[in-house]
Amino acid sequence: MGIYATHISIKFDHIDVPCDIERITSRYVLSKNLYIPKKQFPLILFYAITIHKCQGLSLDTAIIDLSTNVYGDVSNPCINEINHLRSKFRNDLPQIKKSKGKKRKIEVTV
């Protein structure tokens, strides 16, 4: 058949030692006595983009990290756009308040 890896080593920024992620086996039921085993690594792919790269995209959910001042006031246009969309389509949701210098992480669902 072939050679398959049994684990993946991942080095995270905030942990000094690499973490080993082992392959797991799941069973899926097809019928009463029929199961299909599936081997896979329990990993979820994701990506991140900047505020400028996501302009013009329709996003159902966004997690905005304002915990650092790396981008200064670049987050204000993003918050303005979210508040504009909320007031237009979901005026039952509270507006996001802008606060200078306050570090925070917000999750937005429009």
PDB file of N, CA and C in Angstrom:
ATOM      1  N   MET A   1       0.818  -1.197   0.000  1.00  0.00           N
ATOM      2  CA  MET A   1       0.000   0.000   0.000  1.00  0.00           C
ATOM      3  C   MET A   1       0.860   1.259   0.000  1.00  0.00           C
ATOM      4  N   GLY A   2       1.753   1.356   0.957  1.00  0.00           N
ATOM      5  CA  GLY A   2       2.583   2.538   1.058  1.00  0.00           C
ATOM      6  C   GLY A   2       2.999   2.767   2.494  1.00  0.00           C
ATOM      7  N   ILE A   3       3.838   3.753   2.701  1.00  0.00           N
ATOM      8  CA  ILE A   3       4.294   4.096   4.042  1.00  0.00           C
ATOM      9  C   ILE A   3       3.522   5.333   4.483  1.00  0.00           C
ATOM     10  N   TYR A   4       2.930   5.251   5.675  1.00  0.00           N
ATOM     11  CA  TYR A   4       2.154   6.362   6.202  1.00  0.00           C
ATOM     12  C   TYR A   4       2.787   6.864   7.491  1.00  0.00           C
ATOM     13  N   ALA A   5       2.782   8.166   7.689  1.00  0.00           N
ATOM     14  CA  ALA A   5       3.318   8.755   8.911  1.00  0.00           C
ATOM     15  C   ALA A   5       2.404   8.431  10.084  1.00  0.00           C
ATOM     16  N   THR A   6       2.990   8.213  11.243  1.00  0.00           N
ATOM     17  CA  THR A   6       2.202   7.938  12.439  1.00  0.00           C
ATOM     18  C   THR A   6       2.014   9.185  13.287  1.00  0.00           C
ATOM     19  N   HIS A   7       2.872  10.180  13.100  1.00  0.00           N
ATOM     20  CA  HIS A   7       2.728  11.436  13.823  1.00  0.00           C
ATOM     21  C   HIS A   7       3.355  12.580  13.018  1.00  0.00           C
ATOM     22  N   ILE A   8       2.942  13.790  13.389  1.00  0.00           N
ATOM     23  CA  ILE A   8       3.476  15.011  12.779  1.00  0.00           C
ATOM     24  C   ILE A   8       4.025  15.866  13.917  1.00  0.00           C
ATOM     25  N   SER A   9       5.230  16.389  13.768  1.00  0.00           N
ATOM     26  CA  SER A   9       5.800  17.306  14.763  1.00  0.00           C
ATOM     27  C   SER A   9       5.539  18.738  14.318  1.00  0.00           C
ATOM     28  N   ILE A  10       4.981  19.530  15.233  1.00  0.00           N
ATOM     29  CA  ILE A  10       4.654  20.925  14.931  1.00  0.00           C
ATOM     30  C   ILE A  10       5.350  21.811  15.950  1.00  0.00           C
ATOM     31  N   LYS A  11       6.031  22.843  15.468  1.00  0.00           N
ATOM     32  CA  LYS A  11       6.695  23.807  16.339  1.00  0.00           C
ATOM     33  C   LYS A  11       5.830  25.056  16.408  1.00  0.00           C
ATOM     34  N   PHE A  12       5.332  25.366  17.605  1.00  0.00           N
ATOM     35  CA  PHE A  12       4.523  26.554  17.828  1.00  0.00           C
ATOM     36  C   PHE A  12       5.417  27.692  18.318  1.00  0.00           C
ATOM     37  N   ASP A  13       5.003  28.927  18.061  1.00  0.00           N
ATOM     38  CA  ASP A  13       5.798  30.088  18.450  1.00  0.00           C
ATOM     39  C   ASP A  13       5.959  30.204  19.963  1.00  0.00           C
ATOM     40  N   HIS A  14       4.911  29.908  20.715  1.00  0.00           N
ATOM     41  CA  HIS A  14       4.920  30.143  22.157  1.00  0.00           C
ATOM     42  C   HIS A  14       5.337  28.924  22.990  1.00  0.00           C
ATOM     43  N   ILE A  15       5.713  27.800  22.341  1.00  0.00           N
ATOM     44  CA  ILE A  15       6.145  26.595  23.047  1.00  0.00           C
ATOM     45  C   ILE A  15       7.542  26.231  22.543  1.00  0.00           C
ATOM     46  N   ASP A  16       8.454  25.961  23.475  1.00  0.00           N
ATOM     47  CA  ASP A  16       9.845  25.678  23.100  1.00  0.00           C
ATOM     48  C   ASP A  16      10.032  24.309  22.456  1.00  0.00           C
ATOM     49  N   VAL A  17       9.274  23.323  22.901  1.00  0.00           N
ATOM     50  CA  VAL A  17       9.444  21.946  22.427  1.00  0.00           C
ATOM     51  C   VAL A  17       8.396  21.639  21.356  1.00  0.00           C
ATOM     52  N   PRO A  18       8.781  21.011  20.237  1.00  0.00           N
ATOM     53  CA  PRO A  18       7.782  20.639  19.223  1.00  0.00           C
ATOM     54  C   PRO A  18       6.733  19.678  19.791  1.00  0.00           C
ATOM     55  N   CYS A  19       5.501  19.813  19.337  1.00  0.00           N
ATOM     56  CA  CYS A  19       4.403  18.949  19.780  1.00  0.00           C
ATOM     57  C   CYS A  19       4.176  17.867  18.729  1.00  0.00           C
ATOM     58  N   ASP A  20       4.019  16.637  19.182  1.00  0.00           N
ATOM     59  CA  ASP A  20       3.726  15.527  18.281  1.00  0.00           C
ATOM     60  C   ASP A  20       2.221  15.308  18.214  1.00  0.00           C
ATOM     61  N   ILE A  21       1.672  15.356  17.017  1.00  0.00           N
ATOM     62  CA  ILE A  21       0.255  15.087  16.785  1.00  0.00           C
ATOM     63  C   ILE A  21       0.168  13.694  16.177  1.00  0.00           C
ATOM     64  N   GLU A  22      -0.518  12.784  16.863  1.00  0.00           N
ATOM     65  CA  GLU A  22      -0.609  11.402  16.390  1.00  0.00           C
ATOM     66  C   GLU A  22      -1.840  11.195  15.526  1.00  0.00           C
ATOM     67  N   ARG A  23      -1.728  10.277  14.599  1.00  0.00           N
ATOM     68  CA  ARG A  23      -2.843   9.905  13.728  1.00  0.00           C
ATOM     69  C   ARG A  23      -3.895   9.169  14.570  1.00  0.00           C
ATOM     70  N   ILE A  24      -5.169   9.481  14.335  1.00  0.00           N
ATOM     71  CA  ILE A  24      -6.255   8.808  15.046  1.00  0.00           C
ATOM     72  C   ILE A  24      -7.101   8.017  14.053  1.00  0.00           C
ATOM     73  N   THR A  25      -7.840   7.058  14.569  1.00  0.00           N
ATOM     74  CA  THR A  25      -8.742   6.265  13.735  1.00  0.00           C
ATOM     75  C   THR A  25     -10.172   6.532  14.176  1.00  0.00           C
ATOM     76  N   SER A  26     -11.014   6.888  13.236  1.00  0.00           N
ATOM     77  CA  SER A  26     -12.439   7.101  13.488  1.00  0.00           C
ATOM     78  C   SER A  26     -13.226   6.036  12.749  1.00  0.00           C
ATOM     79  N   ARG A  27     -14.363   5.667  13.310  1.00  0.00           N
ATOM     80  CA  ARG A  27     -15.232   4.699  12.632  1.00  0.00           C
ATOM     81  C   ARG A  27     -16.518   5.401  12.217  1.00  0.00           C
ATOM     82  N   TYR A  28     -16.883   5.234  10.963  1.00  0.00           N
ATOM     83  CA  TYR A  28     -18.113   5.808  10.435  1.00  0.00           C
ATOM     84  C   TYR A  28     -19.092   4.681  10.149  1.00  0.00           C
ATOM     85  N   VAL A  29     -20.320   4.838  10.599  1.00  0.00           N
ATOM     86  CA  VAL A  29     -21.341   3.805  10.434  1.00  0.00           C
ATOM     87  C   VAL A  29     -22.008   3.969   9.076  1.00  0.00           C
ATOM     88  N   LEU A  30     -21.979   2.902   8.280  1.00  0.00           N
ATOM     89  CA  LEU A  30     -22.686   2.897   7.002  1.00  0.00           C
ATOM     90  C   LEU A  30     -24.065   2.272   7.150  1.00  0.00           C
ATOM     91  N   SER A  31     -24.130   1.195   7.893  1.00  0.00           N
ATOM     92  CA  SER A  31     -25.405   0.544   8.202  1.00  0.00           C
ATOM     93  C   SER A  31     -25.249  -0.141   9.553  1.00  0.00           C
ATOM     94  N   LYS A  32     -26.224  -0.964   9.920  1.00  0.00           N
ATOM     95  CA  LYS A  32     -26.264  -1.546  11.263  1.00  0.00           C
ATOM     96  C   LYS A  32     -24.954  -2.222  11.675  1.00  0.00           C
ATOM     97  N   ASN A  33     -24.391  -3.061  10.852  1.00  0.00           N
ATOM     98  CA  ASN A  33     -23.160  -3.781  11.192  1.00  0.00           C
ATOM     99  C   ASN A  33     -22.006  -3.474  10.245  1.00  0.00           C
ATOM    100  N   LEU A  34     -22.062  -2.349   9.569  1.00  0.00           N
ATOM    101  CA  LEU A  34     -21.022  -2.013   8.600  1.00  0.00           C
ATOM    102  C   LEU A  34     -20.380  -0.676   8.968  1.00  0.00           C
ATOM    103  N   TYR A  35     -19.091  -0.731   9.266  1.00  0.00           N
ATOM    104  CA  TYR A  35     -18.334   0.453   9.656  1.00  0.00           C
ATOM    105  C   TYR A  35     -17.171   0.662   8.695  1.00  0.00           C
ATOM    106  N   ILE A  36     -16.814   1.919   8.509  1.00  0.00           N
ATOM    107  CA  ILE A  36     -15.640   2.245   7.701  1.00  0.00           C
ATOM    108  C   ILE A  36     -14.645   2.957   8.615  1.00  0.00           C
ATOM    109  N   PRO A  37     -13.432   2.403   8.759  1.00  0.00           N
ATOM    110  CA  PRO A  37     -12.422   3.110   9.555  1.00  0.00           C
ATOM    111  C   PRO A  37     -11.735   4.179   8.711  1.00  0.00           C
ATOM    112  N   LYS A  38     -11.432   5.292   9.337  1.00  0.00           N
ATOM    113  CA  LYS A  38     -10.734   6.372   8.640  1.00  0.00           C
ATOM    114  C   LYS A  38      -9.600   6.854   9.538  1.00  0.00           C
ATOM    115  N   LYS A  39      -8.385   6.825   9.016  1.00  0.00           N
ATOM    116  CA  LYS A  39      -7.228   7.309   9.767  1.00  0.00           C
ATOM    117  C   LYS A  39      -6.892   8.716   9.287  1.00  0.00           C
ATOM    118  N   GLN A  40      -6.717   9.611  10.264  1.00  0.00           N
ATOM    119  CA  GLN A  40      -6.394  10.986   9.910  1.00  0.00           C
ATOM    120  C   GLN A  40      -5.738  11.683  11.093  1.00  0.00           C
ATOM    121  N   PHE A  41      -5.114  12.819  10.804  1.00  0.00           N
ATOM    122  CA  PHE A  41      -4.542  13.642  11.857  1.00  0.00           C
ATOM    123  C   PHE A  41      -5.607  14.639  12.308  1.00  0.00           C
ATOM    124  N   PRO A  42      -5.776  14.839  13.617  1.00  0.00           N
ATOM    125  CA  PRO A  42      -6.810  15.761  14.106  1.00  0.00           C
ATOM    126  C   PRO A  42      -6.364  17.218  13.984  1.00  0.00           C
ATOM    127  N   LEU A  43      -6.256  17.689  12.763  1.00  0.00           N
ATOM    128  CA  LEU A  43      -5.826  19.056  12.489  1.00  0.00           C
ATOM    129  C   LEU A  43      -6.887  19.771  11.670  1.00  0.00           C
ATOM    130  N   ILE A  44      -7.024  21.056  11.897  1.00  0.00           N
ATOM    131  CA  ILE A  44      -7.952  21.882  11.128  1.00  0.00           C
ATOM    132  C   ILE A  44      -7.133  22.958  10.419  1.00  0.00           C
ATOM    133  N   LEU A  45      -7.296  23.065   9.133  1.00  0.00           N
ATOM    134  CA  LEU A  45      -6.592  24.092   8.372  1.00  0.00           C
ATOM    135  C   LEU A  45      -7.292  25.436   8.545  1.00  0.00           C
ATOM    136  N   PHE A  46      -6.526  26.483   8.640  1.00  0.00           N
ATOM    137  CA  PHE A  46      -7.087  27.820   8.705  1.00  0.00           C
ATOM    138  C   PHE A  46      -6.101  28.785   8.068  1.00  0.00           C
ATOM    139  N   TYR A  47      -6.550  30.002   7.867  1.00  0.00           N
ATOM    140  CA  TYR A  47      -5.657  31.020   7.333  1.00  0.00           C
ATOM    141  C   TYR A  47      -6.053  32.366   7.912  1.00  0.00           C
ATOM    142  N   ALA A  48      -5.156  33.292   7.792  1.00  0.00           N
ATOM    143  CA  ALA A  48      -5.410  34.646   8.264  1.00  0.00           C
ATOM    144  C   ALA A  48      -5.080  35.612   7.137  1.00  0.00           C
ATOM    145  N   ILE A  49      -5.834  36.695   7.088  1.00  0.00           N
ATOM    146  CA  ILE A  49      -5.569  37.733   6.094  1.00  0.00           C
ATOM    147  C   ILE A  49      -5.632  39.088   6.783  1.00  0.00           C
ATOM    148  N   THR A  50      -5.054  40.081   6.151  1.00  0.00           N
ATOM    149  CA  THR A  50      -5.070  41.421   6.722  1.00  0.00           C
ATOM    150  C   THR A  50      -6.390  42.110   6.386  1.00  0.00           C
ATOM    151  N   ILE A  51      -6.628  43.209   7.063  1.00  0.00           N
ATOM    152  CA  ILE A  51      -7.838  43.996   6.809  1.00  0.00           C
ATOM    153  C   ILE A  51      -7.876  44.452   5.356  1.00  0.00           C
ATOM    154  N   HIS A  52      -6.725  44.850   4.822  1.00  0.00           N
ATOM    155  CA  HIS A  52      -6.683  45.336   3.440  1.00  0.00           C
ATOM    156  C   HIS A  52      -6.996  44.229   2.444  1.00  0.00           C
ATOM    157  N   LYS A  53      -6.527  43.017   2.719  1.00  0.00           N
ATOM    158  CA  LYS A  53      -6.762  41.895   1.798  1.00  0.00           C
ATOM    159  C   LYS A  53      -8.221  41.448   1.798  1.00  0.00           C
ATOM    160  N   CYS A  54      -8.941  41.668   2.901  1.00  0.00           N
ATOM    161  CA  CYS A  54     -10.326  41.185   2.954  1.00  0.00           C
ATOM    162  C   CYS A  54     -11.336  42.251   2.527  1.00  0.00           C
ATOM    163  N   GLN A  55     -10.873  43.427   2.110  1.00  0.00           N
ATOM    164  CA  GLN A  55     -11.809  44.447   1.645  1.00  0.00           C
ATOM    165  C   GLN A  55     -12.559  43.936   0.426  1.00  0.00           C
ATOM    166  N   GLY A  56     -13.861  44.056   0.456  1.00  0.00           N
ATOM    167  CA  GLY A  56     -14.683  43.615  -0.661  1.00  0.00           C
ATOM    168  C   GLY A  56     -15.154  42.178  -0.545  1.00  0.00           C
ATOM    169  N   LEU A  57     -14.648  41.430   0.443  1.00  0.00           N
ATOM    170  CA  LEU A  57     -15.095  40.050   0.632  1.00  0.00           C
ATOM    171  C   LEU A  57     -16.352  40.018   1.485  1.00  0.00           C
ATOM    172  N   SER A  58     -17.194  39.047   1.255  1.00  0.00           N
ATOM    173  CA  SER A  58     -18.359  38.816   2.107  1.00  0.00           C
ATOM    174  C   SER A  58     -18.001  37.698   3.075  1.00  0.00           C
ATOM    175  N   LEU A  59     -17.821  38.042   4.329  1.00  0.00           N
ATOM    176  CA  LEU A  59     -17.430  37.073   5.345  1.00  0.00           C
ATOM    177  C   LEU A  59     -18.578  36.870   6.323  1.00  0.00           C
ATOM    178  N   ASP A  60     -18.901  35.617   6.626  1.00  0.00           N
ATOM    179  CA  ASP A  60     -19.945  35.333   7.611  1.00  0.00           C
ATOM    180  C   ASP A  60     -19.456  35.618   9.023  1.00  0.00           C
ATOM    181  N   THR A  61     -18.203  35.303   9.292  1.00  0.00           N
ATOM    182  CA  THR A  61     -17.627  35.477  10.622  1.00  0.00           C
ATOM    183  C   THR A  61     -16.203  35.986  10.489  1.00  0.00           C
ATOM    184  N   ALA A  62     -15.805  36.845  11.405  1.00  0.00           N
ATOM    185  CA  ALA A  62     -14.427  37.336  11.426  1.00  0.00           C
ATOM    186  C   ALA A  62     -13.965  37.430  12.869  1.00  0.00           C
ATOM    187  N   ILE A  63     -12.746  37.025  13.120  1.00  0.00           N
ATOM    188  CA  ILE A  63     -12.125  37.231  14.423  1.00  0.00           C
ATOM    189  C   ILE A  63     -11.041  38.274  14.199  1.00  0.00           C
ATOM    190  N   ILE A  64     -11.171  39.388  14.884  1.00  0.00           N
ATOM    191  CA  ILE A  64     -10.265  40.512  14.680  1.00  0.00           C
ATOM    192  C   ILE A  64      -9.397  40.653  15.921  1.00  0.00           C
ATOM    193  N   ASP A  65      -8.097  40.538  15.747  1.00  0.00           N
ATOM    194  CA  ASP A  65      -7.164  40.621  16.862  1.00  0.00           C
ATOM    195  C   ASP A  65      -6.672  42.052  16.996  1.00  0.00           C
ATOM    196  N   LEU A  66      -7.158  42.729  18.019  1.00  0.00           N
ATOM    197  CA  LEU A  66      -6.727  44.097  18.290  1.00  0.00           C
ATOM    198  C   LEU A  66      -5.854  44.129  19.536  1.00  0.00           C
ATOM    199  N   SER A  67      -5.239  42.995  19.863  1.00  0.00           N
ATOM    200  CA  SER A  67      -4.478  42.887  21.109  1.00  0.00           C
ATOM    201  C   SER A  67      -3.089  43.512  21.016  1.00  0.00           C
ATOM    202  N   THR A  68      -2.660  43.889  19.833  1.00  0.00           N
ATOM    203  CA  THR A  68      -1.371  44.567  19.696  1.00  0.00           C
ATOM    204  C   THR A  68      -1.574  45.871  18.940  1.00  0.00           C
ATOM    205  N   ASN A  69      -0.659  46.773  19.108  1.00  0.00           N
ATOM    206  CA  ASN A  69      -0.734  48.058  18.409  1.00  0.00           C
ATOM    207  C   ASN A  69       0.117  48.067  17.153  1.00  0.00           C
ATOM    208  N   VAL A  70       0.335  46.916  16.556  1.00  0.00           N
ATOM    209  CA  VAL A  70       1.186  46.816  15.374  1.00  0.00           C
ATOM    210  C   VAL A  70       0.646  47.671  14.237  1.00  0.00           C
ATOM    211  N   TYR A  71      -0.668  47.682  14.075  1.00  0.00           N
ATOM    212  CA  TYR A  71      -1.260  48.382  12.936  1.00  0.00           C
ATOM    213  C   TYR A  71      -1.853  49.734  13.309  1.00  0.00           C
ATOM    214  N   GLY A  72      -1.694  50.157  14.518  1.00  0.00           N
ATOM    215  CA  GLY A  72      -2.173  51.471  14.921  1.00  0.00           C
ATOM    216  C   GLY A  72      -3.669  51.630  14.722  1.00  0.00           C
ATOM    217  N   ASP A  73      -4.062  52.661  13.973  1.00  0.00           N
ATOM    218  CA  ASP A  73      -5.480  52.950  13.764  1.00  0.00           C
ATOM    219  C   ASP A  73      -6.044  52.294  12.517  1.00  0.00           C
ATOM    220  N   VAL A  74      -5.361  51.310  11.963  1.00  0.00           N
ATOM    221  CA  VAL A  74      -5.858  50.619  10.773  1.00  0.00           C
ATOM    222  C   VAL A  74      -7.139  49.858  11.093  1.00  0.00           C
ATOM    223  N   SER A  75      -7.335  49.483  12.357  1.00  0.00           N
ATOM    224  CA  SER A  75      -8.528  48.719  12.726  1.00  0.00           C
ATOM    225  C   SER A  75      -9.795  49.569  12.682  1.00  0.00           C
ATOM    226  N   ASN A  76      -9.678  50.892  12.763  1.00  0.00           N
ATOM    227  CA  ASN A  76     -10.872  51.745  12.754  1.00  0.00           C
ATOM    228  C   ASN A  76     -11.719  51.591  11.497  1.00  0.00           C
ATOM    229  N   PRO A  77     -11.146  51.567  10.278  1.00  0.00           N
ATOM    230  CA  PRO A  77     -11.994  51.344   9.098  1.00  0.00           C
ATOM    231  C   PRO A  77     -12.714  49.998   9.145  1.00  0.00           C
ATOM    232  N   CYS A  78     -12.053  48.999   9.683  1.00  0.00           N
ATOM    233  CA  CYS A  78     -12.669  47.677   9.793  1.00  0.00           C
ATOM    234  C   CYS A  78     -13.871  47.723  10.733  1.00  0.00           C
ATOM    235  N   ILE A  79     -13.698  48.333  11.894  1.00  0.00           N
ATOM    236  CA  ILE A  79     -14.800  48.437  12.857  1.00  0.00           C
ATOM    237  C   ILE A  79     -15.919  49.294  12.286  1.00  0.00           C
ATOM    238  N   ASN A  80     -15.576  50.366  11.567  1.00  0.00           N
ATOM    239  CA  ASN A  80     -16.602  51.202  10.931  1.00  0.00           C
ATOM    240  C   ASN A  80     -17.436  50.393   9.948  1.00  0.00           C
ATOM    241  N   GLU A  81     -16.772  49.563   9.144  1.00  0.00           N
ATOM    242  CA  GLU A  81     -17.486  48.754   8.153  1.00  0.00           C
ATOM    243  C   GLU A  81     -18.391  47.730   8.827  1.00  0.00           C
ATOM    244  N   ILE A  82     -17.902  47.100   9.883  1.00  0.00           N
ATOM    245  CA  ILE A  82     -18.725  46.129  10.615  1.00  0.00           C
ATOM    246  C   ILE A  82     -19.951  46.813  11.190  1.00  0.00           C
ATOM    247  N   ASN A  83     -19.761  47.965  11.827  1.00  0.00           N
ATOM    248  CA  ASN A  83     -20.890  48.690  12.400  1.00  0.00           C
ATOM    249  C   ASN A  83     -21.874  49.128  11.320  1.00  0.00           C
ATOM    250  N   HIS A  84     -21.354  49.538  10.160  1.00  0.00           N
ATOM    251  CA  HIS A  84     -22.218  49.943   9.044  1.00  0.00           C
ATOM    252  C   HIS A  84     -23.076  48.764   8.583  1.00  0.00           C
ATOM    253  N   LEU A  85     -22.445  47.597   8.403  1.00  0.00           N
ATOM    254  CA  LEU A  85     -23.193  46.413   7.972  1.00  0.00           C
ATOM    255  C   LEU A  85     -24.195  45.966   9.026  1.00  0.00           C
ATOM    256  N   ARG A  86     -23.809  46.040  10.284  1.00  0.00           N
ATOM    257  CA  ARG A  86     -24.731  45.655  11.358  1.00  0.00           C
ATOM    258  C   ARG A  86     -25.955  46.567  11.380  1.00  0.00           C
ATOM    259  N   SER A  87     -25.734  47.875  11.226  1.00  0.00           N
ATOM    260  CA  SER A  87     -26.869  48.798  11.271  1.00  0.00           C
ATOM    261  C   SER A  87     -27.769  48.629  10.056  1.00  0.00           C
ATOM    262  N   LYS A  88     -27.187  48.207   8.926  1.00  0.00           N
ATOM    263  CA  LYS A  88     -27.955  48.034   7.697  1.00  0.00           C
ATOM    264  C   LYS A  88     -28.759  46.736   7.690  1.00  0.00           C
ATOM    265  N   PHE A  89     -28.133  45.641   8.140  1.00  0.00           N
ATOM    266  CA  PHE A  89     -28.752  44.329   8.010  1.00  0.00           C
ATOM    267  C   PHE A  89     -29.171  43.698   9.333  1.00  0.00           C
ATOM    268  N   ARG A  90     -28.496  44.005  10.419  1.00  0.00           N
ATOM    269  CA  ARG A  90     -28.800  43.399  11.716  1.00  0.00           C
ATOM    270  C   ARG A  90     -28.790  44.485  12.783  1.00  0.00           C
ATOM    271  N   ASN A  91     -29.769  45.366  12.759  1.00  0.00           N
ATOM    272  CA  ASN A  91     -29.754  46.457  13.723  1.00  0.00           C
ATOM    273  C   ASN A  91     -30.112  46.013  15.139  1.00  0.00           C
ATOM    274  N   ASP A  92     -30.401  44.711  15.326  1.00  0.00           N
ATOM    275  CA  ASP A  92     -30.636  44.197  16.670  1.00  0.00           C
ATOM    276  C   ASP A  92     -29.330  43.918  17.416  1.00  0.00           C
ATOM    277  N   LEU A  93     -28.194  43.933  16.698  1.00  0.00           N
ATOM    278  CA  LEU A  93     -26.900  43.666  17.323  1.00  0.00           C
ATOM    279  C   LEU A  93     -26.273  44.968  17.810  1.00  0.00           C
ATOM    280  N   PRO A  94     -25.554  44.913  18.932  1.00  0.00           N
ATOM    281  CA  PRO A  94     -24.920  46.135  19.435  1.00  0.00           C
ATOM    282  C   PRO A  94     -23.752  46.563  18.554  1.00  0.00           C
ATOM    283  N   GLN A  95     -23.514  47.859  18.533  1.00  0.00           N
ATOM    284  CA  GLN A  95     -22.387  48.404  17.782  1.00  0.00           C
ATOM    285  C   GLN A  95     -21.093  48.149  18.557  1.00  0.00           C
ATOM    286  N   ILE A  96     -19.994  48.002  17.837  1.00  0.00           N
ATOM    287  CA  ILE A  96     -18.689  47.810  18.464  1.00  0.00           C
ATOM    288  C   ILE A  96     -18.117  49.180  18.777  1.00  0.00           C
ATOM    289  N   LYS A  97     -17.729  49.378  20.029  1.00  0.00           N
ATOM    290  CA  LYS A  97     -17.177  50.668  20.432  1.00  0.00           C
ATOM    291  C   LYS A  97     -15.690  50.712  20.130  1.00  0.00           C
ATOM    292  N   LYS A  98     -15.257  51.845  19.599  1.00  0.00           N
ATOM    293  CA  LYS A  98     -13.830  52.051  19.347  1.00  0.00           C
ATOM    294  C   LYS A  98     -13.202  52.592  20.625  1.00  0.00           C
ATOM    295  N   SER A  99     -12.040  52.092  20.956  1.00  0.00           N
ATOM    296  CA  SER A  99     -11.349  52.594  22.138  1.00  0.00           C
ATOM    297  C   SER A  99      -9.865  52.703  21.828  1.00  0.00           C
ATOM    298  N   LYS A 100      -9.344  53.897  21.963  1.00  0.00           N
ATOM    299  CA  LYS A 100      -7.924  54.120  21.660  1.00  0.00           C
ATOM    300  C   LYS A 100      -7.058  53.448  22.713  1.00  0.00           C
ATOM    301  N   GLY A 101      -6.062  52.722  22.233  1.00  0.00           N
ATOM    302  CA  GLY A 101      -5.081  52.134  23.121  1.00  0.00           C
ATOM    303  C   GLY A 101      -5.527  50.900  23.879  1.00  0.00           C
ATOM    304  N   LYS A 102      -6.795  50.541  23.796  1.00  0.00           N
ATOM    305  CA  LYS A 102      -7.268  49.358  24.518  1.00  0.00           C
ATOM    306  C   LYS A 102      -7.006  48.124  23.677  1.00  0.00           C
ATOM    307  N   LYS A 103      -6.347  47.145  24.269  1.00  0.00           N
ATOM    308  CA  LYS A 103      -6.015  45.920  23.550  1.00  0.00           C
ATOM    309  C   LYS A 103      -7.133  44.912  23.763  1.00  0.00           C
ATOM    310  N   ARG A 104      -7.643  44.344  22.667  1.00  0.00           N
ATOM    311  CA  ARG A 104      -8.725  43.373  22.775  1.00  0.00           C
ATOM    312  C   ARG A 104      -8.810  42.529  21.521  1.00  0.00           C
ATOM    313  N   LYS A 105      -9.540  41.443  21.638  1.00  0.00           N
ATOM    314  CA  LYS A 105      -9.783  40.563  20.501  1.00  0.00           C
ATOM    315  C   LYS A 105     -11.294  40.416  20.409  1.00  0.00           C
ATOM    316  N   ILE A 106     -11.861  40.647  19.230  1.00  0.00           N
ATOM    317  CA  ILE A 106     -13.309  40.552  19.078  1.00  0.00           C
ATOM    318  C   ILE A 106     -13.651  39.527  18.013  1.00  0.00           C
ATOM    319  N   GLU A 107     -14.786  38.865  18.202  1.00  0.00           N
ATOM    320  CA  GLU A 107     -15.297  37.940  17.196  1.00  0.00           C
ATOM    321  C   GLU A 107     -16.618  38.502  16.711  1.00  0.00           C
ATOM    322  N   VAL A 108     -16.752  38.619  15.408  1.00  0.00           N
ATOM    323  CA  VAL A 108     -17.911  39.268  14.812  1.00  0.00           C
ATOM    324  C   VAL A 108     -18.625  38.304  13.894  1.00  0.00           C
ATOM    325  N   THR A 109     -19.938  38.190  14.063  1.00  0.00           N
ATOM    326  CA  THR A 109     -20.762  37.433  13.132  1.00  0.00           C
ATOM    327  C   THR A 109     -21.832  38.373  12.621  1.00  0.00           C
ATOM    328  N   VAL A 110     -21.869  38.568  11.318  1.00  0.00           N
ATOM    329  CA  VAL A 110     -22.851  39.482  10.719  1.00  0.00           C
ATOM    330  C   VAL A 110     -24.028  38.686  10.224  1.00  0.00           C
TER     331      VAL A 110
END
